Each structure stands twice: as structure tokens, then as C-alpha cells.
């Protein structure tokens, strides 16, 4: 996804913002996968 940042504030580091957002998405994705796996294992072993 490309965003035109030419009109943005000069003090804003848009590259770092993009990297942080992508890191957040990656951590969220793996966290959701881990929770689904945990629930599946609990359903199998505790029932």
C-alpha cells in the first residue's frame, strides 16, 4: 500500500511508522493463531 506523504509534517518519520504498523499486524496475526491453537488443544485434551 502506498500513501502520498509529501504533504505531511517534516518531523514525522513515515518509514518508521509503516514498519511499526506492519510489526503490529504481524504480532496480532501470530497471537490470534496461537490463541486458536490453544483453544483447539484445550478442546481436545480437556473434554
N, C-alpha and C. Protein backbone atom coordinates (compact mmCIF):
# COMPACT_ATOMS: atom_id res chain seq x y z
N UNK A 1 0.85 -1.16 0.00
CA UNK A 1 0.00 0.00 0.00
C UNK A 1 0.89 1.22 0.00
N UNK A 2 0.61 2.13 -0.88
CA UNK A 2 1.41 3.33 -1.00
C UNK A 2 0.57 4.55 -0.63
N UNK A 3 1.13 5.37 0.25
CA UNK A 3 0.45 6.58 0.69
C UNK A 3 1.33 7.77 0.34
N UNK A 4 0.73 8.80 -0.22
CA UNK A 4 1.47 10.01 -0.56
C UNK A 4 1.73 10.80 0.71
N UNK A 5 2.99 10.87 1.13
CA UNK A 5 3.34 11.58 2.36
C UNK A 5 4.03 12.90 2.08
N UNK A 6 3.94 13.39 0.85
CA UNK A 6 4.64 14.63 0.50
C UNK A 6 4.05 15.84 1.22
N UNK A 7 2.78 15.79 1.60
CA UNK A 7 2.17 16.92 2.29
C UNK A 7 2.21 16.79 3.80
N UNK A 8 2.89 15.78 4.31
CA UNK A 8 2.93 15.53 5.75
C UNK A 8 3.89 16.43 6.48
N UNK A 9 3.90 16.30 7.78
CA UNK A 9 4.76 17.10 8.64
C UNK A 9 6.20 16.64 8.48
N UNK A 10 7.12 17.57 8.49
CA UNK A 10 8.53 17.23 8.26
C UNK A 10 9.15 16.44 9.40
N UNK A 11 8.58 16.55 10.60
CA UNK A 11 9.13 15.83 11.75
C UNK A 11 8.63 14.40 11.84
N UNK A 12 7.64 14.05 11.05
CA UNK A 12 7.07 12.69 11.10
C UNK A 12 7.93 11.73 10.30
N UNK A 13 8.31 10.62 10.94
CA UNK A 13 9.11 9.58 10.27
C UNK A 13 8.15 8.52 9.73
N UNK A 14 7.70 8.71 8.50
CA UNK A 14 6.68 7.84 7.92
C UNK A 14 7.19 6.42 7.70
N UNK A 15 8.47 6.26 7.37
CA UNK A 15 9.01 4.91 7.18
C UNK A 15 8.96 4.12 8.48
N UNK A 16 9.33 4.75 9.58
CA UNK A 16 9.29 4.07 10.88
C UNK A 16 7.84 3.77 11.27
N UNK A 17 6.94 4.67 10.97
CA UNK A 17 5.52 4.45 11.26
C UNK A 17 5.01 3.22 10.51
N UNK A 18 5.36 3.11 9.25
CA UNK A 18 4.94 1.96 8.45
C UNK A 18 5.52 0.66 9.00
N UNK A 19 6.81 0.67 9.37
CA UNK A 19 7.43 -0.54 9.93
C UNK A 19 6.77 -0.94 11.24
N UNK A 20 6.46 0.03 12.09
CA UNK A 20 5.81 -0.27 13.36
C UNK A 20 4.43 -0.86 13.14
N UNK A 21 3.68 -0.31 12.19
CA UNK A 21 2.34 -0.81 11.90
C UNK A 21 2.40 -2.24 11.36
N UNK A 22 3.35 -2.51 10.47
CA UNK A 22 3.50 -3.86 9.93
C UNK A 22 3.90 -4.85 11.02
N UNK A 23 4.76 -4.42 11.95
CA UNK A 23 5.13 -5.26 13.09
C UNK A 23 3.92 -5.57 13.96
N UNK A 24 3.09 -4.55 14.20
CA UNK A 24 1.87 -4.74 14.98
C UNK A 24 0.96 -5.76 14.31
N UNK A 25 0.77 -5.65 13.01
CA UNK A 25 -0.08 -6.60 12.29
C UNK A 25 0.47 -8.01 12.36
N UNK A 26 1.79 -8.15 12.24
CA UNK A 26 2.41 -9.48 12.29
C UNK A 26 2.24 -10.10 13.68
N UNK A 27 2.47 -9.32 14.73
CA UNK A 27 2.31 -9.83 16.10
C UNK A 27 0.85 -10.20 16.36
N UNK A 28 -0.08 -9.38 15.87
CA UNK A 28 -1.51 -9.67 16.05
C UNK A 28 -1.88 -10.97 15.35
N UNK A 29 -1.38 -11.16 14.13
CA UNK A 29 -1.70 -12.36 13.37
C UNK A 29 -1.20 -13.61 14.10
N UNK A 30 0.04 -13.59 14.55
CA UNK A 30 0.57 -14.76 15.24
C UNK A 30 -0.07 -14.96 16.61
N UNK A 31 -0.48 -13.89 17.26
CA UNK A 31 -1.18 -14.01 18.53
C UNK A 31 -2.53 -14.68 18.35
N UNK A 32 -3.25 -14.30 17.30
CA UNK A 32 -4.56 -14.91 17.03
C UNK A 32 -4.39 -16.38 16.69
N UNK A 33 -3.38 -16.71 15.91
CA UNK A 33 -3.11 -18.11 15.58
C UNK A 33 -2.78 -18.92 16.83
N UNK A 34 -1.99 -18.34 17.74
CA UNK A 34 -1.64 -19.02 18.98
C UNK A 34 -2.87 -19.25 19.85
N UNK A 35 -3.75 -18.27 19.93
CA UNK A 35 -4.97 -18.43 20.74
C UNK A 35 -5.87 -19.50 20.15
N UNK A 36 -6.01 -19.54 18.83
CA UNK A 36 -6.83 -20.57 18.19
C UNK A 36 -6.23 -21.96 18.46
N UNK A 37 -4.91 -22.07 18.36
CA UNK A 37 -4.26 -23.36 18.64
C UNK A 37 -4.47 -23.77 20.10
N UNK A 38 -4.34 -22.81 21.01
CA UNK A 38 -4.54 -23.10 22.42
C UNK A 38 -5.97 -23.57 22.68
N UNK A 39 -6.95 -22.90 22.10
CA UNK A 39 -8.34 -23.31 22.29
C UNK A 39 -8.60 -24.68 21.70
N UNK A 40 -8.00 -24.97 20.55
CA UNK A 40 -8.19 -26.29 19.94
C UNK A 40 -7.57 -27.38 20.82
N UNK A 41 -6.40 -27.12 21.36
CA UNK A 41 -5.76 -28.11 22.24
C UNK A 41 -6.56 -28.29 23.53
N UNK A 42 -7.08 -27.20 24.06
CA UNK A 42 -7.93 -27.31 25.28
C UNK A 42 -9.19 -28.11 24.99
N UNK A 43 -9.79 -27.89 23.83
CA UNK A 43 -11.00 -28.64 23.48
C UNK A 43 -10.70 -30.13 23.34
N UNK A 44 -9.53 -30.45 22.81
CA UNK A 44 -9.18 -31.86 22.60
C UNK A 44 -8.81 -32.55 23.90
N UNK A 45 -7.99 -31.90 24.74
CA UNK A 45 -7.47 -32.57 25.93
C UNK A 45 -8.35 -32.41 27.17
N UNK A 46 -9.19 -31.40 27.24
CA UNK A 46 -9.96 -31.17 28.45
C UNK A 46 -11.40 -31.68 28.36
N UNK A 47 -11.80 -32.11 27.19
CA UNK A 47 -13.20 -32.58 27.05
C UNK A 47 -13.22 -34.08 26.98
